[in-house]
Protein backbone atom coordinates (compact mmCIF):
# COMPACT_ATOMS: atom_id res chain seq x y z
CA UNK A 1 10.66 26.28 -36.83
CA UNK A 2 13.20 27.62 -34.32
CA UNK A 3 15.93 25.66 -36.12
CA UNK A 4 14.88 27.06 -39.48
CA UNK A 5 14.89 30.60 -38.09
CA UNK A 6 18.42 30.06 -36.83
CA UNK A 7 19.46 28.80 -40.23
CA UNK A 8 17.83 31.80 -41.94
CA UNK A 9 19.68 34.09 -39.55
CA UNK A 10 22.98 32.39 -40.27
CA UNK A 11 22.39 32.54 -44.00
CA UNK A 12 21.37 36.21 -43.88
CA UNK A 13 24.51 37.05 -41.93
CA UNK A 14 26.68 35.18 -44.35
CA UNK A 15 25.10 36.91 -47.31
CA UNK A 16 25.73 40.33 -45.76
CA UNK A 17 29.42 39.52 -45.51
CA UNK A 18 29.69 38.16 -49.04
CA UNK A 19 27.48 40.50 -51.01
CA UNK A 20 30.45 41.99 -52.82
CA UNK A 21 32.21 38.67 -53.29
CA UNK A 22 32.10 36.50 -56.34
CA UNK A 23 29.78 33.49 -56.46
CA UNK A 24 32.61 31.07 -55.81
CA UNK A 25 33.12 32.51 -52.29
CA UNK A 26 29.59 31.77 -50.98
CA UNK A 27 29.21 29.87 -47.66
CA UNK A 28 26.91 26.82 -47.47
CA UNK A 29 25.69 24.07 -45.09
CA UNK A 30 26.84 20.54 -45.83
CA UNK A 31 24.06 17.94 -46.16
CA UNK A 32 23.72 15.24 -43.48
CA UNK A 33 24.67 11.65 -44.20
CA UNK A 34 23.02 8.55 -42.70
CA UNK A 35 24.03 7.30 -39.23
CA UNK A 36 25.01 3.77 -38.31
CA UNK A 37 22.28 2.34 -36.02
CA UNK A 38 23.06 -0.48 -33.54
CA UNK A 39 20.57 -2.40 -31.34
CA UNK A 40 21.40 -4.03 -27.99
CA UNK A 41 19.47 -7.21 -28.88
CA UNK A 42 17.52 -8.75 -31.74
CA UNK A 43 14.89 -10.66 -29.75
CA UNK A 44 12.65 -9.35 -26.92
CA UNK A 45 9.78 -11.12 -25.13
CA UNK A 46 7.63 -8.72 -23.11
CA UNK A 47 5.44 -9.17 -20.03
CA UNK A 48 4.31 -7.14 -17.04
CA UNK A 49 7.32 -8.23 -14.95
CA UNK A 50 9.74 -6.34 -17.24
CA UNK A 51 7.44 -3.40 -17.94
CA UNK A 52 9.58 -0.94 -15.99
CA UNK A 53 12.93 -2.47 -16.93
CA UNK A 54 15.15 -1.47 -19.87
CA UNK A 55 14.64 -4.19 -22.51
CA UNK A 56 16.00 -2.62 -25.73
CA UNK A 57 18.57 0.09 -26.41
CA UNK A 58 19.77 1.79 -29.58
CA UNK A 59 22.96 3.74 -30.22
CA UNK A 60 24.23 5.55 -33.29
CA UNK A 61 27.16 7.53 -34.59
CA UNK A 62 27.31 11.28 -34.16
CA UNK A 63 26.45 13.76 -36.90
CA UNK A 64 27.88 17.24 -37.00
CA UNK A 65 26.48 20.11 -39.03
CA UNK A 66 29.31 21.29 -41.29
CA UNK A 67 29.60 24.77 -42.85
CA UNK A 68 31.91 25.37 -45.79
CA UNK A 69 33.74 28.09 -43.86
CA UNK A 70 35.06 26.63 -40.59
CA UNK A 71 35.27 30.14 -39.10
CA UNK A 72 31.48 30.49 -39.21
CA UNK A 73 29.28 28.80 -36.59
CA UNK A 74 25.56 27.87 -36.55
CA UNK A 75 22.87 27.37 -33.93
CA UNK A 76 21.25 24.61 -35.94
CA UNK A 77 20.98 21.19 -34.25
CA UNK A 78 20.39 17.71 -35.53
CA UNK A 79 17.01 16.32 -34.52
CA UNK A 80 16.79 12.55 -34.73
CA UNK A 81 13.75 10.27 -34.66
CA UNK A 82 13.67 6.51 -34.13
CA UNK A 83 11.09 5.09 -36.50
CA UNK A 84 9.46 1.67 -36.12
CA UNK A 85 7.28 -0.30 -38.52
CA UNK A 86 6.24 -3.85 -39.38
CA UNK A 87 7.57 -3.20 -42.91
CA UNK A 88 11.25 -3.25 -43.77
CA UNK A 89 10.79 -0.16 -45.92
CA UNK A 90 9.25 1.64 -42.89
CA UNK A 91 5.84 2.06 -44.51
CA UNK A 92 2.29 1.67 -43.25
CA UNK A 93 1.76 2.57 -39.61
CA UNK A 94 4.97 4.09 -38.24
CA UNK A 95 5.81 4.85 -34.61
CA UNK A 96 8.24 7.76 -34.10
CA UNK A 97 10.30 8.56 -31.00
CA UNK A 98 12.16 11.89 -31.15
CA UNK A 99 15.55 12.25 -29.49
CA UNK A 100 18.53 14.63 -29.47
CA UNK A 101 21.07 12.27 -27.91
CA UNK A 102 23.22 9.53 -29.39
CA UNK A 103 21.28 6.67 -27.79
CA UNK A 104 17.84 5.73 -26.60
CA UNK A 105 16.55 3.03 -24.27
CA UNK A 106 13.02 1.59 -24.15
CA UNK A 107 11.37 0.06 -21.10
CA UNK A 108 9.18 -2.98 -21.55
CA UNK A 109 6.05 -0.83 -21.30
CA UNK A 110 7.35 1.65 -23.89
CA UNK A 111 8.33 -1.07 -26.35
CA UNK A 112 4.99 -2.81 -25.79
CA UNK A 113 3.23 0.45 -26.67
CA UNK A 114 5.26 0.76 -29.88
CA UNK A 115 4.43 -2.84 -30.82
CA UNK A 116 0.73 -2.20 -30.29
CA UNK A 117 0.92 1.09 -32.22
CA UNK A 118 2.37 -0.51 -35.35
CA UNK A 119 -0.13 -3.40 -35.21
CA UNK A 120 1.97 -6.26 -33.85
CA UNK A 121 0.17 -9.48 -32.89
CA UNK A 122 -0.18 -10.03 -29.14
CA UNK A 123 1.56 -13.12 -27.80
CA UNK A 124 3.53 -13.81 -30.98
CA UNK A 125 7.01 -12.88 -32.17
CA UNK A 126 6.78 -9.96 -34.63
CA UNK A 127 9.60 -8.61 -36.81
CA UNK A 128 9.68 -4.88 -36.09
CA UNK A 129 12.03 -2.73 -38.17
CA UNK A 130 13.79 0.32 -36.76
CA UNK A 131 15.73 3.12 -38.43
CA UNK A 132 17.00 6.54 -37.41
CA UNK A 133 16.00 9.64 -39.35
CA UNK A 134 18.08 12.81 -38.86
CA UNK A 135 17.43 16.34 -40.02
CA UNK A 136 18.35 19.93 -39.19
CA UNK A 137 14.79 21.22 -39.54
CA UNK A 138 11.23 20.14 -40.14
CA UNK A 139 11.28 21.25 -43.78
CA UNK A 140 14.60 19.63 -44.57
CA UNK A 141 14.67 16.03 -45.88
CA UNK A 142 15.92 13.47 -43.35
CA UNK A 143 18.99 11.34 -43.73
CA UNK A 144 18.31 7.74 -42.72
CA UNK A 145 20.41 5.09 -41.02
CA UNK A 146 20.52 1.42 -41.78
CA UNK A 147 17.41 -0.62 -40.89
CA UNK A 148 17.62 -2.91 -37.85
CA UNK A 149 15.22 -5.82 -37.31
CA UNK A 150 14.18 -6.74 -33.76
CA UNK A 151 11.83 -9.65 -33.02
CA UNK A 152 9.34 -8.45 -30.38
CA UNK A 153 6.66 -10.51 -28.59
CA UNK A 154 4.16 -8.06 -27.05
CA UNK A 155 1.64 -8.80 -24.32
CA UNK A 156 -1.86 -7.58 -23.61
CA UNK A 157 -1.57 -4.72 -21.19
CA UNK A 158 -4.40 -4.93 -18.64
CA UNK A 159 -4.94 -1.41 -17.32
CA UNK A 160 -8.19 -2.43 -15.60
CA UNK A 161 -6.49 -4.45 -12.87
CA UNK A 162 -4.28 -3.22 -10.04
CA UNK A 163 -2.32 -6.08 -8.49
CA UNK A 164 -1.77 -5.85 -4.73
CA UNK A 165 1.81 -6.68 -3.63
CA UNK A 166 3.07 -7.42 -0.14
CA UNK A 167 5.88 -5.57 1.62
CA UNK A 168 8.42 -7.60 -0.41
CA UNK A 169 6.59 -6.71 -3.65
CA UNK A 170 5.28 -10.22 -4.20
CA UNK A 171 1.74 -10.66 -5.54
CA UNK A 172 -0.82 -11.43 -2.81
CA UNK A 173 -3.60 -12.67 -5.10
CA UNK A 174 -5.72 -9.61 -4.27
CA UNK A 175 -6.62 -7.02 -6.88
CA UNK A 176 -8.28 -3.64 -7.33
CA UNK A 177 -10.30 -2.70 -10.40
CA UNK A 178 -10.38 0.32 -12.71
CA UNK A 179 -13.58 0.06 -14.79
CA UNK A 180 -12.53 2.84 -17.17
CA UNK A 181 -8.81 1.92 -17.30
CA UNK A 182 -8.14 5.49 -16.17
CA UNK A 183 -5.65 4.85 -13.37
CA UNK A 184 -8.27 4.93 -10.59
CA UNK A 185 -8.46 1.50 -8.90
CA UNK A 186 -10.75 0.37 -6.09
CA UNK A 187 -12.06 -2.68 -4.26
CA UNK A 188 -12.61 -4.32 -0.86
CA UNK A 189 -9.60 -5.92 0.86
CA UNK A 190 -9.35 -7.69 4.22
CA UNK A 191 -6.20 -6.47 5.98
CA UNK A 192 -4.43 -6.56 9.33
CA UNK A 193 -3.67 -3.42 11.28
CA UNK A 194 -0.56 -1.66 9.90
CA UNK A 195 -0.26 -4.20 7.08
CA UNK A 196 2.14 -2.97 4.37
CA UNK A 197 1.49 -3.21 0.63
CA UNK A 198 2.15 -1.81 -2.87
CA UNK A 199 0.07 -1.85 -6.07
CA UNK A 200 1.30 -2.70 -9.58
CA UNK A 201 -0.49 -1.58 -12.77
CA UNK A 202 -0.68 -3.54 -16.00
CA UNK A 203 2.13 -1.43 -17.46
CA UNK A 204 4.41 -2.58 -14.65
CA UNK A 205 4.31 0.69 -12.73
CA UNK A 206 4.53 0.04 -8.98
CA UNK A 207 2.87 2.55 -6.65
CA UNK A 208 3.56 3.09 -2.98
CA UNK A 209 3.42 5.93 -0.50
CA UNK A 210 5.67 8.91 -1.08
CA UNK A 211 8.87 8.50 0.92
CA UNK A 212 8.41 11.56 3.11
CA UNK A 213 7.46 11.95 6.76
CA UNK A 214 4.02 13.35 7.46
CA UNK A 215 2.53 12.46 4.07
CA UNK A 216 0.45 9.29 4.45
CA UNK A 217 -1.92 8.44 1.61
CA UNK A 218 0.16 10.35 -0.97
CA UNK A 219 1.20 8.13 -3.89
CA UNK A 220 4.60 7.83 -5.55
CA UNK A 221 6.14 5.60 -8.21
CA UNK A 222 9.69 6.80 -7.53
CA UNK A 223 12.47 4.54 -6.27
CA UNK A 224 12.38 6.47 -2.98
CA UNK A 225 8.79 5.38 -2.29
CA UNK A 226 7.68 3.70 0.92
CA UNK A 227 5.06 0.99 1.12
CA UNK A 228 1.46 1.95 1.72
CA UNK A 229 0.03 0.89 5.10
CA UNK A 230 -3.37 0.39 6.66
CA UNK A 231 -4.38 2.24 9.85
CA UNK A 232 -4.56 0.63 13.28
CA UNK A 233 -7.76 -1.40 12.78
CA UNK A 234 -7.91 -4.82 11.16
CA UNK A 235 -10.86 -5.88 9.03
CA UNK A 236 -12.51 -4.97 5.74
CA UNK A 237 -11.32 -1.88 3.84
CA UNK A 238 -12.64 -0.23 0.71
CA UNK A 239 -9.37 0.87 -0.92
CA UNK A 240 -9.02 3.47 -3.68
CA UNK A 241 -5.69 4.04 -5.43
CA UNK A 242 -5.93 7.14 -7.63
CA UNK A 243 -2.79 7.40 -9.79
CA UNK A 244 -4.19 10.51 -11.53
CA UNK A 245 -4.29 12.60 -8.35
CA UNK A 246 -1.46 10.54 -6.78
CA UNK A 247 -3.45 9.84 -3.63
CA UNK A 248 -4.98 6.76 -2.05
CA UNK A 249 -7.56 6.17 0.67
CA UNK A 250 -8.80 3.36 2.92
CA UNK A 251 -12.39 3.19 4.21
CA UNK A 252 -12.59 0.81 7.17
CA UNK A 253 -15.99 -0.92 7.25
CA UNK A 254 -16.94 -1.17 10.94
CA UNK A 255 -20.47 -2.54 10.59
CA UNK A 256 -23.11 -3.54 8.02
CA UNK A 257 -26.82 -4.11 8.55
CA UNK A 258 -29.52 -5.69 6.35
CA UNK A 259 -33.07 -4.32 6.36
CA UNK A 260 -36.10 -5.97 4.79
CA UNK A 261 -35.43 -9.66 5.49
CA UNK A 262 -37.11 -10.03 8.84
CA UNK A 263 -39.15 -8.01 11.29
CA UNK A 264 -36.05 -6.12 12.41
CA UNK A 265 -32.68 -5.16 11.01
CA UNK A 266 -30.08 -7.93 10.94
CA UNK A 267 -26.43 -7.22 11.77
CA UNK A 268 -23.88 -8.81 9.44
CA UNK A 269 -20.54 -10.34 10.43
CA UNK A 270 -17.32 -10.28 8.39
CA UNK A 271 -15.78 -13.60 7.37
CA UNK A 272 -12.18 -12.51 6.85
CA UNK A 273 -11.09 -15.66 5.04
CA UNK A 274 -13.64 -15.22 2.22
CA UNK A 275 -14.06 -11.41 2.30
CA UNK A 276 -17.80 -11.65 2.71
CA UNK A 277 -20.35 -10.32 5.18
CA UNK A 278 -23.07 -12.75 6.30
CA UNK A 279 -25.99 -13.12 8.66
CA UNK A 280 -28.60 -15.73 9.49
CA UNK A 281 -32.34 -14.98 9.73
CA UNK A 282 -35.72 -16.72 9.88
CA UNK A 283 -37.72 -16.37 6.66
CA UNK A 284 -41.52 -16.45 6.46
CA UNK A 285 -41.43 -18.40 3.22
CA UNK A 286 -39.91 -18.76 -0.24
CA UNK A 287 -40.37 -15.40 -1.91
CA UNK A 288 -38.75 -12.40 -3.54
CA UNK A 289 -37.72 -9.72 -1.06
CA UNK A 290 -36.47 -6.17 -1.47
CA UNK A 291 -33.67 -5.34 0.97
CA UNK A 292 -31.23 -2.57 1.75
CA UNK A 293 -27.65 -2.88 3.07
CA UNK A 294 -25.96 -0.02 4.92
CA UNK A 295 -23.45 0.56 7.68
CA UNK A 296 -20.76 2.71 9.22
CA UNK A 297 -17.04 3.11 8.70
CA UNK A 298 -14.01 5.35 9.12
CA UNK A 299 -12.37 7.01 6.12
CA UNK A 300 -8.59 7.47 6.17
CA UNK A 301 -6.97 9.65 3.49
CA UNK A 302 -4.37 12.36 2.92
CA UNK A 303 -6.47 14.80 4.95
CA UNK A 304 -7.13 12.60 7.98
CA UNK A 305 -3.84 10.70 8.14
CA UNK A 306 -3.72 7.38 10.02
CA UNK A 307 -4.37 8.63 13.55
CA UNK A 308 -8.12 9.20 13.36
CA UNK A 309 -10.49 8.41 10.50
CA UNK A 310 -13.51 10.41 9.44
CA UNK A 311 -16.80 8.76 10.44
CA UNK A 312 -18.57 7.81 7.21
CA UNK A 313 -21.86 6.15 6.25
CA UNK A 314 -21.68 3.15 3.90
CA UNK A 315 -24.50 2.09 1.59
CA UNK A 316 -24.99 -0.28 -1.34
CA UNK A 317 -27.35 0.01 -4.33
CA UNK A 318 -27.95 -1.60 -7.70
CA UNK A 319 -26.31 0.09 -10.68
CA UNK A 320 -27.89 -1.72 -13.61
CA UNK A 321 -27.05 -5.38 -13.05
CA UNK A 322 -24.16 -4.61 -10.71
CA UNK A 323 -23.94 -3.86 -7.01
CA UNK A 324 -22.13 -0.63 -6.16
CA UNK A 325 -21.44 1.80 -3.32
CA UNK A 326 -23.94 4.65 -3.07
CA UNK A 327 -24.63 7.76 -0.99
CA UNK A 328 -27.92 6.24 0.22
CA UNK A 329 -28.98 2.60 0.41
CA UNK A 330 -30.89 1.50 -2.68
CA UNK A 331 -33.30 -1.35 -3.27
CA UNK A 332 -31.72 -4.77 -3.82
CA UNK A 333 -33.86 -7.73 -4.90
CA UNK A 334 -33.02 -11.19 -3.52
CA UNK A 335 -34.68 -14.62 -3.75
CA UNK A 336 -35.40 -16.29 -0.42
CA UNK A 337 -35.37 -20.08 -1.09
CA UNK A 338 -37.45 -21.38 1.83
CA UNK A 339 -39.25 -20.71 5.07
CA UNK A 340 -37.18 -21.06 8.22
CA UNK A 341 -33.49 -20.45 8.83
CA UNK A 342 -31.58 -18.88 5.91
CA UNK A 343 -28.25 -17.14 5.38
CA UNK A 344 -27.58 -13.95 3.43
CA UNK A 345 -24.10 -13.38 2.00
CA UNK A 346 -22.58 -10.14 0.66
CA UNK A 347 -19.43 -11.25 -1.19
CA UNK A 348 -16.88 -8.48 -1.85
CA UNK A 349 -13.90 -10.62 -2.93
CA UNK A 350 -14.19 -9.89 -6.67
CA UNK A 351 -13.70 -6.15 -7.32
CA UNK A 352 -15.44 -6.50 -10.70
CA UNK A 353 -18.59 -8.11 -9.32
CA UNK A 354 -19.96 -7.76 -5.80
CA UNK A 355 -22.84 -10.18 -5.14
CA UNK A 356 -25.70 -10.66 -2.66
CA UNK A 357 -27.23 -14.14 -2.32
CA UNK A 358 -29.59 -15.91 0.07
CA UNK A 359 -29.21 -19.65 0.75
CA UNK A 360 -31.22 -22.19 2.69
CA UNK A 361 -30.01 -23.12 6.15
CA UNK A 362 -27.98 -21.35 8.77
CA UNK A 363 -24.24 -20.84 8.17
CA UNK A 364 -21.66 -20.83 10.92
CA UNK A 365 -21.10 -17.19 11.79
CA UNK A 366 -17.40 -16.47 12.42
CA UNK A 367 -16.44 -14.98 15.75
CA UNK A 368 -14.52 -11.73 15.51
CA UNK A 369 -12.60 -10.16 18.36
CA UNK A 370 -11.64 -6.53 18.97
CA UNK A 371 -8.00 -5.54 18.61
CA UNK A 372 -7.64 -4.42 22.24
CA UNK A 373 -9.23 -4.66 25.68
CA UNK A 374 -8.86 -2.00 28.36
CA UNK A 375 -8.31 -2.81 32.04
CA UNK A 376 -9.92 -0.15 34.24
CA UNK A 377 -10.61 0.48 37.91
CA UNK A 378 -13.87 2.01 39.19
CA UNK A 379 -13.94 4.28 42.24
CA UNK A 380 -16.84 4.53 44.69
CA UNK A 381 -18.06 7.65 42.88
CA UNK A 382 -18.31 5.70 39.62
CA UNK A 383 -15.30 7.33 37.96
CA UNK A 384 -13.05 5.21 35.75
CA UNK A 385 -9.26 4.99 36.04
CA UNK A 386 -7.36 3.47 33.12
CA UNK A 387 -4.84 0.81 34.14
CA UNK A 388 -3.45 -0.88 30.99
CA UNK A 389 -4.31 -2.17 27.52
CA UNK A 390 -4.39 -5.85 26.56
CA UNK A 391 -3.51 -6.74 22.95
CA UNK A 392 -5.00 -9.52 20.81
CA UNK A 393 -2.18 -12.07 20.53
CA UNK A 394 -4.23 -15.03 19.24
CA UNK A 395 -7.02 -13.86 16.91
CA UNK A 396 -8.37 -17.38 16.35
CA UNK A 397 -9.08 -17.97 20.04
CA UNK A 398 -9.57 -14.43 21.31
CA UNK A 399 -6.54 -14.45 23.63
CA UNK A 400 -5.21 -11.13 24.93
CA UNK A 401 -2.08 -10.40 26.96
CA UNK A 402 -0.59 -7.44 28.78
CA UNK A 403 1.36 -6.34 31.84
CA UNK A 404 0.33 -4.11 34.75
CA UNK A 405 2.24 -2.70 37.73
CA UNK A 406 0.35 -0.14 39.78
CA UNK A 407 -1.56 0.52 42.94
CA UNK A 408 -5.05 -0.50 41.78
CA UNK A 409 -5.81 -4.12 42.75
CA UNK A 410 -9.62 -4.35 43.05
CA UNK A 411 -12.89 -2.96 41.62
CA UNK A 412 -11.60 -3.88 38.16
CA UNK A 413 -13.42 -4.41 34.84
CA UNK A 414 -12.06 -5.54 31.49
CA UNK A 415 -13.70 -3.42 28.78
CA UNK A 416 -14.36 -4.20 25.12
CA UNK A 417 -14.64 -0.63 23.78
CA UNK A 418 -15.39 -1.82 20.24
CA UNK A 419 -18.58 -3.64 21.17
CA UNK A 420 -19.42 -1.77 24.37
CA UNK A 421 -19.06 -4.80 26.69
CA UNK A 422 -17.85 -4.61 30.32
CA UNK A 423 -16.51 -7.85 31.80
CA UNK A 424 -16.31 -8.58 35.47
CA UNK A 425 -16.15 -12.00 37.05
CA UNK A 426 -18.68 -14.69 37.92
CA UNK A 427 -19.83 -14.11 41.53
CA UNK A 428 -18.56 -17.58 42.44
CA UNK A 429 -15.23 -17.58 40.56
CA UNK A 430 -12.83 -14.64 40.09
CA UNK A 431 -11.18 -16.39 37.09
CA UNK A 432 -14.45 -16.71 35.10
CA UNK A 433 -15.43 -13.66 33.03
CA UNK A 434 -19.00 -12.45 32.97
CA UNK A 435 -20.84 -9.55 31.37
CA UNK A 436 -24.12 -10.28 33.14
CA UNK A 437 -25.81 -7.69 35.33
CA UNK A 438 -24.92 -9.64 38.46
CA UNK A 439 -21.19 -9.77 37.69
CA UNK A 440 -18.65 -8.84 40.34
CA UNK A 441 -15.58 -6.70 39.90
CA UNK A 442 -12.38 -8.70 39.51
CA UNK A 443 -9.25 -8.25 41.61
CA UNK A 444 -5.53 -8.96 41.95
CA UNK A 445 -3.85 -10.40 45.02
CA UNK A 446 -0.45 -9.28 46.24
CA UNK A 447 1.77 -6.54 44.83
CA UNK A 448 4.31 -5.99 42.09
CA UNK A 449 3.97 -6.34 38.34
CA UNK A 450 1.58 -8.93 36.91
CA UNK A 451 1.13 -10.48 33.46
CA UNK A 452 -2.56 -10.63 32.47
CA UNK A 453 -4.10 -13.12 30.04
CA UNK A 454 -7.74 -12.98 28.85
CA UNK A 455 -9.37 -15.77 26.81
CA UNK A 456 -12.69 -14.58 25.36
CA UNK A 457 -13.39 -17.89 23.61
CA UNK A 458 -13.45 -19.63 26.99
CA UNK A 459 -14.48 -16.55 29.02
CA UNK A 460 -11.57 -16.87 31.44
CA UNK A 461 -8.76 -14.69 32.72
CA UNK A 462 -5.73 -15.14 34.93
CA UNK A 463 -2.66 -13.30 36.10
CA UNK A 464 0.82 -14.31 37.16
CA UNK A 465 3.72 -12.48 38.71
CA UNK A 466 5.57 -10.88 35.87
CA UNK A 467 8.89 -12.51 34.98
CA UNK A 468 11.45 -10.43 33.15
CA UNK A 469 14.13 -11.39 30.63
CA UNK A 470 17.73 -11.66 31.76
CA UNK A 471 19.11 -9.95 28.63
CA UNK A 472 17.83 -7.78 25.81
CA UNK A 473 19.09 -6.63 22.39
CA UNK A 474 17.97 -4.44 19.48
CA UNK A 475 17.62 -6.17 16.11
CA UNK A 476 16.77 -4.70 12.71
CA UNK A 477 13.27 -5.65 11.53
CA UNK A 478 12.51 -5.36 7.80
CA UNK A 479 9.84 -7.09 5.69
CA UNK A 480 8.48 -8.80 8.80
CA UNK A 481 11.83 -10.51 9.39
CA UNK A 482 14.46 -10.01 12.11
CA UNK A 483 17.82 -8.97 10.68
CA UNK A 484 21.20 -8.07 12.13
CA UNK A 485 21.75 -7.24 15.77
CA UNK A 486 22.28 -3.52 16.35
CA UNK A 487 23.31 -3.34 20.05
CA UNK A 488 22.96 -5.20 23.33
CA UNK A 489 21.18 -3.43 26.18
CA UNK A 490 22.32 -3.65 29.79
CA UNK A 491 20.18 -4.51 32.81
CA UNK A 492 19.80 -1.86 35.52
CA UNK A 493 19.39 -1.90 39.29
CA UNK A 494 15.62 -1.90 38.75
CA UNK A 495 14.34 -5.37 37.83
CA UNK A 496 12.82 -5.51 34.34
CA UNK A 497 14.50 -2.31 33.12
CA UNK A 498 17.22 -2.26 30.42
CA UNK A 499 19.20 0.57 28.85
CA UNK A 500 21.82 1.22 26.17
CA UNK A 501 23.19 3.84 23.77
CA UNK A 502 22.11 3.85 20.10
CA UNK A 503 24.62 5.84 18.09
CA UNK A 504 25.27 6.24 14.34
CA UNK A 505 23.24 6.34 11.13
CA UNK A 506 19.63 5.46 11.81
CA UNK A 507 17.71 4.09 8.77
CA UNK A 508 15.93 0.91 9.87
CA UNK A 509 12.92 -0.41 11.78
CA UNK A 510 13.76 -2.55 14.79
CA UNK A 511 12.48 -4.81 17.57
CA UNK A 512 13.72 -5.69 21.03
CA UNK A 513 14.61 -9.39 21.42
CA UNK A 514 15.18 -11.07 24.80
CA UNK A 515 17.26 -14.06 25.88
CA UNK A 516 14.35 -16.42 25.12
CA UNK A 517 14.07 -15.23 21.53
CA UNK A 518 10.84 -13.32 22.25
CA UNK A 519 10.55 -10.16 20.14
CA UNK A 520 8.76 -6.97 21.17
CA UNK A 521 7.22 -4.47 18.75
CA UNK A 522 4.10 -2.31 18.69
CA UNK A 523 0.84 -1.67 16.83
CA UNK A 524 1.10 2.17 16.65
CA UNK A 525 -2.48 3.22 17.33
CA UNK A 526 -4.27 6.41 18.37
CA UNK A 527 -3.55 5.83 22.04
CA UNK A 528 0.13 5.33 21.31
CA UNK A 529 1.02 7.67 18.40
CA UNK A 530 4.79 7.29 18.77
CA UNK A 531 4.88 3.53 19.32
CA UNK A 532 6.20 3.47 22.89
CA UNK A 533 4.08 0.57 24.13
CA UNK A 534 5.64 -2.89 23.78
CA UNK A 535 3.76 -5.93 22.50
CA UNK A 536 5.15 -9.46 22.13
CA UNK A 537 2.47 -10.60 19.65
CA UNK A 538 3.76 -12.21 16.45
CA UNK A 539 1.93 -9.68 14.25
CA UNK A 540 3.23 -6.63 16.10
CA UNK A 541 4.92 -4.10 13.85
CA UNK A 542 8.46 -2.79 14.00
CA UNK A 543 9.58 0.19 16.06
CA UNK A 544 11.23 3.37 14.91
CA UNK A 545 12.51 6.62 16.38
CA UNK A 546 9.83 9.28 16.22
CA UNK A 547 8.56 12.15 18.37
CA UNK A 548 6.29 15.16 17.97
CA UNK A 549 8.83 16.62 15.54
CA UNK A 550 8.70 13.60 13.22
CA UNK A 551 10.95 10.66 12.37
CA UNK A 552 14.75 10.79 12.67
CA UNK A 553 15.10 8.45 9.68
CA UNK A 554 18.37 8.75 7.73
CA UNK A 555 20.03 10.91 10.37
CA UNK A 556 22.95 10.46 12.75
CA UNK A 557 21.62 9.78 16.24
CA UNK A 558 23.06 9.54 19.75
CA UNK A 559 20.29 8.24 21.98
CA UNK A 560 19.93 6.50 25.30
CA UNK A 561 17.32 3.75 24.94
CA UNK A 562 15.31 2.66 28.00
CA UNK A 563 13.09 -0.45 28.03
CA UNK A 564 10.78 -0.93 31.03
CA UNK A 565 9.07 -4.33 31.22
CA UNK A 566 7.21 -3.33 34.39
CA UNK A 567 5.12 -0.98 32.27
CA UNK A 568 5.74 -2.65 28.89
CA UNK A 569 7.02 0.60 27.43
CA UNK A 570 10.23 1.96 25.92
CA UNK A 571 11.59 5.48 25.56
CA UNK A 572 14.68 7.40 24.56
CA UNK A 573 16.57 10.58 25.44
CA UNK A 574 18.97 12.47 23.20
CA UNK A 575 22.59 12.68 24.35
CA UNK A 576 24.67 15.82 23.89
């Protein structure tokens, strides 16, 4: 209507100037003629991999509104519309895409939508006809271009499934589910601490975390996005990716308990390889039982960030025929097959169908180990002095390693904070761990830095005099792979301490690598918010420059880096 009003204004003005002229002097608009339409290709096969890529482009010749008197201008503009139909005469169901430019490009998702709109057959090549209609107003007949035929093979767009991608954007085989196809996806995923991931929708849209410091759990589909990442605890997470609100969350499931199977509640254990919780129990007989499943967890979202989750209750209930999360634990009916030892399994691997089953016989319950152990010293007054943290370096065998150099050498316990277990030593053997009431405190002999190794699968521990590398370098670390060397560090007069100057554009994660090829990163947990502790575990994450003021990413830096293997820490100072 705005265009028509402009035209009316132009015409009224022209009439005011020519009211005394003869009819032959009247000014008029010249009618539009058809454009020449050109397509970039004549054959397109669509799938989710090309959903966000340009797959078809059109261009056409320009059209200029001409007035009989070249001295008179007009505000009228040509409005063009690309029309698509399964009929060469552009009849039946027609898709229209309005444009004011001289070209238009369609992504795979956009072209797939057009194909579905006009009624194309999924999985087959369909002749779709395109033409350009141009007009100077809604009430003015359009001028049409030539008709262009493009063979398009559309695909079925699954907007119920969110595909989890790794840090390199390769499919992991894990999925989330959106029951209403409304852009809100959820499901249970087993993940490592600080594991990186993205999610891809059926339309090809890839979601990650917004690429801004201080905004974890905020979604973005822009090219500047970062990957999403789990907090500092490994295990089972209930993940929600909400593309409507552009936020995501991760609920870490710390514990689950079954009530109603036996005389007392039964604690369940996570089997990470199958994403199921299980427990064994002794049944009274073959019968139907009504049970409840509930537990505790920590919710991480845009409000909490990754440092500290919000303590949250977890409960399951029946929703019709399906198992679902609930505010309070609901009744769940199970069939117990026999008297004697049985196993209950809560399988969470399929986001469309969580199941609870009971089977005859006792299953092997997997052993799970905490992420860290603390080494502490106890004074005569019972007070506790923290010494160092040991990190899980072999999750299959429960092996932990760490380094300590300090004055405390006796009255020592190794503490499992996760499970509330304090380990001392067997009264007859300092190298044998024990959590019994008659345990002794463990001790170190000698002085200087020591390397500590704890093996919980064999209940042993030992220490050796710490040996330090002879050389150290900084290497880039991206997508879990070491890249180019950045700088070499120099040894100092203090054994085990290295230093060097990092100068220039900083825009990469990194690790320290010694002369033996051992790399050192960190896990970035609550006790170490800026990642200054060093860990030589294979699953340790990369390091980056960050302090209480945030990351220095994409800035010019001039820093002195200090690595201290006597304390297994690193630090930096800014140079003037």
